[in-house]
Structure formats: C-alpha cells, structure tokens
C-alpha cells in the first residue's frame, strides 16, 4: 500500500475511534493532517478571542518545515497508537 493510501485509510480510521481522544491528541492529529495536506501554515494567527482557532494554528505552526511525507508517516503512527489505546 502506498503512503497516500495508508494516510487516507488513517484519515478514515480516526473517525471510527470508540471514544474521543484528548485535546492534545486532537491538536496533534489536526496539525499533522494540515502539514501533510497543505504544508506550512499559510494563514494569519486568529484573533485574541478565538481560543480554539489559536490553539489549532499554534499546533500547526509548530510543524513548520516538516516534510509533507514525514507528516503523513507521523499522522499514520499517531492514529495507529490511538486505535491501540481507544479501539475502533
């Protein structure tokens, strides 16, 4: 299976988790997904009152410079770890 196929499967599998991951896990999944699909952050940081948006933007910005294929590999590994701990 190609990297893109494995990545797309992980994207689908994460939606099937039995319980909701922690906020930190969700931010990690989000930031790796964005880095894998978009690349480096390409928007301005949300305003002061958008706490959720800022947290997501900051998490994505921390991945700046990470190769998109490496981000896909890390995303797959993270989803596999979540499946092991939470089940699907």
PDB file of N, CA and C in Angstrom:
ATOM      1  N   UNK A   1       0.837  -1.171   0.000  1.00  0.00           N
ATOM      2  CA  UNK A   1       0.000   0.000   0.000  1.00  0.00           C
ATOM      3  C   UNK A   1       0.892   1.248   0.000  1.00  0.00           C
ATOM      4  N   UNK A   2       0.542   2.216  -0.821  1.00  0.00           N
ATOM      5  CA  UNK A   2       1.352   3.429  -0.915  1.00  0.00           C
ATOM      6  C   UNK A   2       1.155   4.305   0.324  1.00  0.00           C
ATOM      7  N   UNK A   3       2.041   5.265   0.491  1.00  0.00           N
ATOM      8  CA  UNK A   3       1.944   6.191   1.621  1.00  0.00           C
ATOM      9  C   UNK A   3       0.614   6.935   1.593  1.00  0.00           C
ATOM     10  N   UNK A   4       0.210   7.409   0.426  1.00  0.00           N
ATOM     11  CA  UNK A   4      -1.058   8.133   0.323  1.00  0.00           C
ATOM     12  C   UNK A   4      -2.244   7.237   0.674  1.00  0.00           C
ATOM     13  N   UNK A   5      -2.209   5.980   0.250  1.00  0.00           N
ATOM     14  CA  UNK A   5      -3.286   5.045   0.589  1.00  0.00           C
ATOM     15  C   UNK A   5      -3.349   4.811   2.094  1.00  0.00           C
ATOM     16  N   UNK A   6      -2.184   4.614   2.713  1.00  0.00           N
ATOM     17  CA  UNK A   6      -2.131   4.406   4.165  1.00  0.00           C
ATOM     18  C   UNK A   6      -2.609   5.648   4.907  1.00  0.00           C
ATOM     19  N   UNK A   7      -2.230   6.823   4.406  1.00  0.00           N
ATOM     20  CA  UNK A   7      -2.653   8.087   5.015  1.00  0.00           C
ATOM     21  C   UNK A   7      -4.176   8.237   4.921  1.00  0.00           C
ATOM     22  N   UNK A   8      -4.725   7.998   3.743  1.00  0.00           N
ATOM     23  CA  UNK A   8      -6.172   8.120   3.554  1.00  0.00           C
ATOM     24  C   UNK A   8      -6.938   7.122   4.427  1.00  0.00           C
ATOM     25  N   UNK A   9      -6.389   5.929   4.599  1.00  0.00           N
ATOM     26  CA  UNK A   9      -7.023   4.935   5.476  1.00  0.00           C
ATOM     27  C   UNK A   9      -7.002   5.433   6.919  1.00  0.00           C
ATOM     28  N   UNK A  10      -5.883   6.019   7.338  1.00  0.00           N
ATOM     29  CA  UNK A  10      -5.782   6.546   8.702  1.00  0.00           C
ATOM     30  C   UNK A  10      -6.768   7.689   8.913  1.00  0.00           C
ATOM     31  N   UNK A  11      -6.954   8.529   7.898  1.00  0.00           N
ATOM     32  CA  UNK A  11      -7.921   9.629   7.979  1.00  0.00           C
ATOM     33  C   UNK A  11      -9.321   9.066   8.225  1.00  0.00           C
ATOM     34  N   UNK A  12      -9.661   7.981   7.546  1.00  0.00           N
ATOM     35  CA  UNK A  12     -10.978   7.352   7.742  1.00  0.00           C
ATOM     36  C   UNK A  12     -11.051   6.647   9.096  1.00  0.00           C
ATOM     37  N   UNK A  13      -9.981   5.960   9.487  1.00  0.00           N
ATOM     38  CA  UNK A  13      -9.974   5.202  10.740  1.00  0.00           C
ATOM     39  C   UNK A  13     -10.125   6.107  11.960  1.00  0.00           C
ATOM     40  N   UNK A  14      -9.547   7.292  11.911  1.00  0.00           N
ATOM     41  CA  UNK A  14      -9.603   8.182  13.080  1.00  0.00           C
ATOM     42  C   UNK A  14     -11.050   8.603  13.369  1.00  0.00           C
ATOM     43  N   UNK A  15     -11.891   8.592  12.367  1.00  0.00           N
ATOM     44  CA  UNK A  15     -13.305   8.950  12.541  1.00  0.00           C
ATOM     45  C   UNK A  15     -14.086   7.841  13.243  1.00  0.00           C
ATOM     46  N   UNK A  16     -13.503   6.644  13.322  1.00  0.00           N
ATOM     47  CA  UNK A  16     -14.195   5.480  13.878  1.00  0.00           C
ATOM     48  C   UNK A  16     -13.775   5.159  15.307  1.00  0.00           C
ATOM     49  N   UNK A  17     -12.944   5.985  15.920  1.00  0.00           N
ATOM     50  CA  UNK A  17     -12.478   5.699  17.278  1.00  0.00           C
ATOM     51  C   UNK A  17     -13.661   5.567  18.222  1.00  0.00           C
ATOM     52  N   UNK A  18     -13.562   4.624  19.179  1.00  0.00           N
ATOM     53  CA  UNK A  18     -14.654   4.363  20.116  1.00  0.00           C
ATOM     54  C   UNK A  18     -14.917   5.535  21.045  1.00  0.00           C
ATOM     55  N   UNK A  19     -13.869   6.240  21.444  1.00  0.00           N
ATOM     56  CA  UNK A  19     -14.051   7.396  22.317  1.00  0.00           C
ATOM     57  C   UNK A  19     -13.209   8.555  21.800  1.00  0.00           C
ATOM     58  N   UNK A  20     -13.544   9.737  22.282  1.00  0.00           N
ATOM     59  CA  UNK A  20     -12.863  10.951  21.818  1.00  0.00           C
ATOM     60  C   UNK A  20     -11.454  11.024  22.395  1.00  0.00           C
ATOM     61  N   UNK A  21     -10.460  11.287  21.554  1.00  0.00           N
ATOM     62  CA  UNK A  21      -9.089  11.469  22.056  1.00  0.00           C
ATOM     63  C   UNK A  21      -8.991  12.730  22.921  1.00  0.00           C
ATOM     64  N   UNK A  22      -7.897  12.849  23.654  1.00  0.00           N
ATOM     65  CA  UNK A  22      -7.675  14.039  24.468  1.00  0.00           C
ATOM     66  C   UNK A  22      -7.503  15.256  23.563  1.00  0.00           C
ATOM     67  N   UNK A  23      -7.644  16.435  24.149  1.00  0.00           N
ATOM     68  CA  UNK A  23      -7.457  17.665  23.376  1.00  0.00           C
ATOM     69  C   UNK A  23      -6.064  17.720  22.757  1.00  0.00           C
ATOM     70  N   UNK A  24      -5.042  17.304  23.520  1.00  0.00           N
ATOM     71  CA  UNK A  24      -3.675  17.316  22.985  1.00  0.00           C
ATOM     72  C   UNK A  24      -3.538  16.358  21.803  1.00  0.00           C
ATOM     73  N   UNK A  25      -4.160  15.186  21.913  1.00  0.00           N
ATOM     74  CA  UNK A  25      -4.122  14.241  20.793  1.00  0.00           C
ATOM     75  C   UNK A  25      -4.840  14.816  19.578  1.00  0.00           C
ATOM     76  N   UNK A  26      -5.982  15.467  19.809  1.00  0.00           N
ATOM     77  CA  UNK A  26      -6.724  16.072  18.705  1.00  0.00           C
ATOM     78  C   UNK A  26      -5.903  17.159  18.017  1.00  0.00           C
ATOM     79  N   UNK A  27      -5.199  17.977  18.808  1.00  0.00           N
ATOM     80  CA  UNK A  27      -4.350  19.020  18.222  1.00  0.00           C
ATOM     81  C   UNK A  27      -3.213  18.409  17.415  1.00  0.00           C
ATOM     82  N   UNK A  28      -2.647  17.326  17.920  1.00  0.00           N
ATOM     83  CA  UNK A  28      -1.556  16.648  17.206  1.00  0.00           C
ATOM     84  C   UNK A  28      -2.058  16.084  15.875  1.00  0.00           C
ATOM     85  N   UNK A  29      -3.218  15.437  15.904  1.00  0.00           N
ATOM     86  CA  UNK A  29      -3.802  14.887  14.683  1.00  0.00           C
ATOM     87  C   UNK A  29      -4.088  16.011  13.689  1.00  0.00           C
ATOM     88  N   UNK A  30      -4.703  17.072  14.176  1.00  0.00           N
ATOM     89  CA  UNK A  30      -5.045  18.210  13.315  1.00  0.00           C
ATOM     90  C   UNK A  30      -3.797  18.800  12.667  1.00  0.00           C
ATOM     91  N   UNK A  31      -2.782  19.073  13.481  1.00  0.00           N
ATOM     92  CA  UNK A  31      -1.592  19.743  12.961  1.00  0.00           C
ATOM     93  C   UNK A  31      -0.844  18.856  11.955  1.00  0.00           C
ATOM     94  N   UNK A  32      -0.778  17.561  12.228  1.00  0.00           N
ATOM     95  CA  UNK A  32      -0.118  16.659  11.285  1.00  0.00           C
ATOM     96  C   UNK A  32      -0.917  16.544   9.992  1.00  0.00           C
ATOM     97  N   UNK A  33      -2.259  16.511  10.103  1.00  0.00           N
ATOM     98  CA  UNK A  33      -3.098  16.450   8.907  1.00  0.00           C
ATOM     99  C   UNK A  33      -2.891  17.694   8.049  1.00  0.00           C
ATOM    100  N   UNK A  34      -2.920  18.870   8.673  1.00  0.00           N
ATOM    101  CA  UNK A  34      -2.753  20.115   7.928  1.00  0.00           C
ATOM    102  C   UNK A  34      -1.372  20.180   7.283  1.00  0.00           C
ATOM    103  N   UNK A  35      -0.333  19.792   8.028  1.00  0.00           N
ATOM    104  CA  UNK A  35       1.022  19.827   7.481  1.00  0.00           C
ATOM    105  C   UNK A  35       1.149  18.848   6.323  1.00  0.00           C
ATOM    106  N   UNK A  36       0.508  17.684   6.442  1.00  0.00           N
ATOM    107  CA  UNK A  36       0.585  16.659   5.401  1.00  0.00           C
ATOM    108  C   UNK A  36      -0.175  17.071   4.143  1.00  0.00           C
ATOM    109  N   UNK A  37      -1.281  17.785   4.303  1.00  0.00           N
ATOM    110  CA  UNK A  37      -2.129  18.099   3.151  1.00  0.00           C
ATOM    111  C   UNK A  37      -1.896  19.485   2.583  1.00  0.00           C
ATOM    112  N   UNK A  38      -1.510  20.453   3.428  1.00  0.00           N
ATOM    113  CA  UNK A  38      -1.339  21.837   2.983  1.00  0.00           C
ATOM    114  C   UNK A  38       0.126  22.243   2.959  1.00  0.00           C
ATOM    115  N   UNK A  39       0.884  21.771   3.943  1.00  0.00           N
ATOM    116  CA  UNK A  39       2.269  22.214   4.109  1.00  0.00           C
ATOM    117  C   UNK A  39       2.331  23.226   5.237  1.00  0.00           C
ATOM    118  N   UNK A  40       3.334  24.075   5.207  1.00  0.00           N
ATOM    119  CA  UNK A  40       3.499  25.071   6.269  1.00  0.00           C
ATOM    120  C   UNK A  40       2.273  25.969   6.374  1.00  0.00           C
ATOM    121  N   UNK A  41       2.018  26.422   7.598  1.00  0.00           N
ATOM    122  CA  UNK A  41       0.866  27.280   7.862  1.00  0.00           C
ATOM    123  C   UNK A  41       0.862  28.461   6.890  1.00  0.00           C
ATOM    124  N   UNK A  42      -0.312  28.748   6.321  1.00  0.00           N
ATOM    125  CA  UNK A  42      -0.396  29.755   5.268  1.00  0.00           C
ATOM    126  C   UNK A  42      -1.473  30.803   5.553  1.00  0.00           C
ATOM    127  N   UNK A  43      -1.871  30.889   6.825  1.00  0.00           N
ATOM    128  CA  UNK A  43      -2.870  31.877   7.228  1.00  0.00           C
ATOM    129  C   UNK A  43      -2.314  32.678   8.402  1.00  0.00           C
ATOM    130  N   UNK A  44      -2.937  33.808   8.674  1.00  0.00           N
ATOM    131  CA  UNK A  44      -2.506  34.579   9.832  1.00  0.00           C
ATOM    132  C   UNK A  44      -3.128  33.985  11.095  1.00  0.00           C
ATOM    133  N   UNK A  45      -2.482  34.232  12.224  1.00  0.00           N
ATOM    134  CA  UNK A  45      -2.947  33.683  13.501  1.00  0.00           C
ATOM    135  C   UNK A  45      -4.288  34.310  13.865  1.00  0.00           C
ATOM    136  N   UNK A  46      -5.249  33.493  14.311  1.00  0.00           N
ATOM    137  CA  UNK A  46      -6.561  34.019  14.697  1.00  0.00           C
ATOM    138  C   UNK A  46      -6.460  35.035  15.839  1.00  0.00           C
ATOM    139  N   UNK A  47      -7.508  35.820  15.987  1.00  0.00           N
ATOM    140  CA  UNK A  47      -7.541  36.873  16.994  1.00  0.00           C
ATOM    141  C   UNK A  47      -7.617  36.364  18.421  1.00  0.00           C
ATOM    142  N   UNK A  48      -7.507  37.298  19.349  1.00  0.00           N
ATOM    143  CA  UNK A  48      -7.462  37.003  20.777  1.00  0.00           C
ATOM    144  C   UNK A  48      -8.634  36.182  21.284  1.00  0.00           C
ATOM    145  N   UNK A  49      -9.811  36.425  20.786  1.00  0.00           N
ATOM    146  CA  UNK A  49     -10.991  35.763  21.328  1.00  0.00           C
ATOM    147  C   UNK A  49     -11.223  34.365  20.758  1.00  0.00           C
ATOM    148  N   UNK A  50     -10.532  34.010  19.715  1.00  0.00           N
ATOM    149  CA  UNK A  50     -10.681  32.690  19.101  1.00  0.00           C
ATOM    150  C   UNK A  50      -9.661  31.719  19.710  1.00  0.00           C
ATOM    151  N   UNK A  51      -9.956  31.254  20.918  1.00  0.00           N
ATOM    152  CA  UNK A  51      -9.004  30.404  21.635  1.00  0.00           C
ATOM    153  C   UNK A  51      -8.773  29.065  20.932  1.00  0.00           C
ATOM    154  N   UNK A  52      -9.849  28.466  20.446  1.00  0.00           N
ATOM    155  CA  UNK A  52      -9.716  27.181  19.739  1.00  0.00           C
ATOM    156  C   UNK A  52      -8.921  27.360  18.451  1.00  0.00           C
ATOM    157  N   UNK A  53      -9.248  28.397  17.702  1.00  0.00           N
ATOM    158  CA  UNK A  53      -8.530  28.671  16.459  1.00  0.00           C
ATOM    159  C   UNK A  53      -7.051  28.930  16.692  1.00  0.00           C
ATOM    160  N   UNK A  54      -6.745  29.673  17.757  1.00  0.00           N
ATOM    161  CA  UNK A  54      -5.331  29.956  18.074  1.00  0.00           C
ATOM    162  C   UNK A  54      -4.592  28.681  18.445  1.00  0.00           C
ATOM    163  N   UNK A  55      -5.235  27.820  19.235  1.00  0.00           N
ATOM    164  CA  UNK A  55      -4.594  26.561  19.642  1.00  0.00           C
ATOM    165  C   UNK A  55      -4.300  25.700  18.419  1.00  0.00           C
ATOM    166  N   UNK A  56      -5.256  25.625  17.498  1.00  0.00           N
ATOM    167  CA  UNK A  56      -5.058  24.834  16.282  1.00  0.00           C
ATOM    168  C   UNK A  56      -3.964  25.443  15.413  1.00  0.00           C
ATOM    169  N   UNK A  57      -3.976  26.760  15.266  1.00  0.00           N
ATOM    170  CA  UNK A  57      -2.978  27.446  14.451  1.00  0.00           C
ATOM    171  C   UNK A  57      -1.591  27.240  15.050  1.00  0.00           C
ATOM    172  N   UNK A  58      -1.470  27.401  16.368  1.00  0.00           N
ATOM    173  CA  UNK A  58      -0.174  27.228  17.039  1.00  0.00           C
ATOM    174  C   UNK A  58       0.358  25.808  16.868  1.00  0.00           C
ATOM    175  N   UNK A  59      -0.539  24.820  17.005  1.00  0.00           N
ATOM    176  CA  UNK A  59      -0.122  23.422  16.852  1.00  0.00           C
ATOM    177  C   UNK A  59       0.383  23.172  15.437  1.00  0.00           C
ATOM    178  N   UNK A  60      -0.320  23.719  14.449  1.00  0.00           N
ATOM    179  CA  UNK A  60       0.097  23.551  13.051  1.00  0.00           C
ATOM    180  C   UNK A  60       1.414  24.279  12.807  1.00  0.00           C
ATOM    181  N   UNK A  61       1.538  25.488  13.343  1.00  0.00           N
ATOM    182  CA  UNK A  61       2.751  26.283  13.135  1.00  0.00           C
ATOM    183  C   UNK A  61       3.987  25.596  13.722  1.00  0.00           C
ATOM    184  N   UNK A  62       3.791  24.798  14.783  1.00  0.00           N
ATOM    185  CA  UNK A  62       4.915  24.059  15.370  1.00  0.00           C
ATOM    186  C   UNK A  62       5.483  23.014  14.409  1.00  0.00           C
ATOM    187  N   UNK A  63       4.695  22.624  13.419  1.00  0.00           N
ATOM    188  CA  UNK A  63       5.142  21.631  12.433  1.00  0.00           C
ATOM    189  C   UNK A  63       5.831  22.282  11.231  1.00  0.00           C
ATOM    190  N   UNK A  64       6.002  23.578  11.276  1.00  0.00           N
ATOM    191  CA  UNK A  64       6.596  24.323  10.161  1.00  0.00           C
ATOM    192  C   UNK A  64       7.934  23.695   9.750  1.00  0.00           C
ATOM    193  N   UNK A  65       8.086  23.468   8.447  1.00  0.00           N
ATOM    194  CA  UNK A  65       9.329  22.900   7.925  1.00  0.00           C
ATOM    195  C   UNK A  65       9.317  21.384   7.836  1.00  0.00           C
ATOM    196  N   UNK A  66       8.321  20.742   8.460  1.00  0.00           N
ATOM    197  CA  UNK A  66       8.225  19.285   8.408  1.00  0.00           C
ATOM    198  C   UNK A  66       7.790  18.855   7.002  1.00  0.00           C
ATOM    199  N   UNK A  67       8.530  17.934   6.423  1.00  0.00           N
ATOM    200  CA  UNK A  67       8.207  17.419   5.094  1.00  0.00           C
ATOM    201  C   UNK A  67       6.807  16.802   5.100  1.00  0.00           C
ATOM    202  N   UNK A  68       6.064  17.007   4.012  1.00  0.00           N
ATOM    203  CA  UNK A  68       4.686  16.510   3.954  1.00  0.00           C
ATOM    204  C   UNK A  68       4.612  14.990   4.070  1.00  0.00           C
ATOM    205  N   UNK A  69       5.549  14.277   3.473  1.00  0.00           N
ATOM    206  CA  UNK A  69       5.544  12.819   3.586  1.00  0.00           C
ATOM    207  C   UNK A  69       5.853  12.371   5.010  1.00  0.00           C
ATOM    208  N   UNK A  70       6.762  13.070   5.675  1.00  0.00           N
ATOM    209  CA  UNK A  70       7.067  12.760   7.070  1.00  0.00           C
ATOM    210  C   UNK A  70       5.844  13.043   7.945  1.00  0.00           C
ATOM    211  N   UNK A  71       5.126  14.112   7.647  1.00  0.00           N
ATOM    212  CA  UNK A  71       3.903  14.433   8.395  1.00  0.00           C
ATOM    213  C   UNK A  71       2.866  13.323   8.208  1.00  0.00           C
ATOM    214  N   UNK A  72       2.769  12.785   6.997  1.00  0.00           N
ATOM    215  CA  UNK A  72       1.840  11.675   6.751  1.00  0.00           C
ATOM    216  C   UNK A  72       2.235  10.454   7.568  1.00  0.00           C
ATOM    217  N   UNK A  73       3.531  10.141   7.597  1.00  0.00           N
ATOM    218  CA  UNK A  73       4.015   8.995   8.380  1.00  0.00           C
ATOM    219  C   UNK A  73       3.692   9.176   9.866  1.00  0.00           C
ATOM    220  N   UNK A  74       3.933  10.384  10.382  1.00  0.00           N
ATOM    221  CA  UNK A  74       3.654  10.657  11.800  1.00  0.00           C
ATOM    222  C   UNK A  74       2.154  10.600  12.085  1.00  0.00           C
ATOM    223  N   UNK A  75       1.349  11.077  11.150  1.00  0.00           N
ATOM    224  CA  UNK A  75      -0.102  11.024  11.304  1.00  0.00           C
ATOM    225  C   UNK A  75      -0.564   9.571  11.397  1.00  0.00           C
ATOM    226  N   UNK A  76      -0.069   8.741  10.491  1.00  0.00           N
ATOM    227  CA  UNK A  76      -0.429   7.317  10.478  1.00  0.00           C
ATOM    228  C   UNK A  76      -0.034   6.669  11.801  1.00  0.00           C
ATOM    229  N   UNK A  77       1.171   6.941  12.274  1.00  0.00           N
ATOM    230  CA  UNK A  77       1.649   6.369  13.530  1.00  0.00           C
ATOM    231  C   UNK A  77       0.781   6.829  14.702  1.00  0.00           C
ATOM    232  N   UNK A  78       0.394   8.098  14.707  1.00  0.00           N
ATOM    233  CA  UNK A  78      -0.437   8.635  15.789  1.00  0.00           C
ATOM    234  C   UNK A  78      -1.802   7.971  15.792  1.00  0.00           C
ATOM    235  N   UNK A  79      -2.402   7.832  14.622  1.00  0.00           N
ATOM    236  CA  UNK A  79      -3.715   7.190  14.528  1.00  0.00           C
ATOM    237  C   UNK A  79      -3.624   5.727  14.969  1.00  0.00           C
ATOM    238  N   UNK A  80      -2.571   5.038  14.559  1.00  0.00           N
ATOM    239  CA  UNK A  80      -2.402   3.647  14.979  1.00  0.00           C
ATOM    240  C   UNK A  80      -2.276   3.545  16.494  1.00  0.00           C
ATOM    241  N   UNK A  81      -1.556   4.481  17.114  1.00  0.00           N
ATOM    242  CA  UNK A  81      -1.418   4.498  18.567  1.00  0.00           C
ATOM    243  C   UNK A  81      -2.773   4.752  19.246  1.00  0.00           C
ATOM    244  N   UNK A  82      -3.556   5.652  18.679  1.00  0.00           N
ATOM    245  CA  UNK A  82      -4.880   5.941  19.238  1.00  0.00           C
ATOM    246  C   UNK A  82      -5.812   4.738  19.093  1.00  0.00           C
ATOM    247  N   UNK A  83      -5.720   4.044  17.967  1.00  0.00           N
ATOM    248  CA  UNK A  83      -6.544   2.847  17.759  1.00  0.00           C
ATOM    249  C   UNK A  83      -6.173   1.791  18.794  1.00  0.00           C
ATOM    250  N   UNK A  84      -4.873   1.658  19.077  1.00  0.00           N
ATOM    251  CA  UNK A  84      -4.420   0.683  20.069  1.00  0.00           C
ATOM    252  C   UNK A  84      -4.954   1.008  21.462  1.00  0.00           C
ATOM    253  N   UNK A  85      -5.002   2.309  21.800  1.00  0.00           N
ATOM    254  CA  UNK A  85      -5.426   2.679  23.159  1.00  0.00           C
ATOM    255  C   UNK A  85      -6.937   2.859  23.284  1.00  0.00           C
ATOM    256  N   UNK A  86      -7.595   3.333  22.229  1.00  0.00           N
ATOM    257  CA  UNK A  86      -9.028   3.627  22.315  1.00  0.00           C
ATOM    258  C   UNK A  86      -9.904   2.623  21.597  1.00  0.00           C
ATOM    259  N   UNK A  87      -9.363   1.945  20.604  1.00  0.00           N
ATOM    260  CA  UNK A  87     -10.120   0.981  19.822  1.00  0.00           C
ATOM    261  C   UNK A  87     -10.984   1.646  18.756  1.00  0.00           C
ATOM    262  N   UNK A  88     -11.414   0.834  17.792  1.00  0.00           N
ATOM    263  CA  UNK A  88     -12.360   1.342  16.766  1.00  0.00           C
ATOM    264  C   UNK A  88     -13.533   0.396  16.666  1.00  0.00           C
TER     265      UNK A  88
END
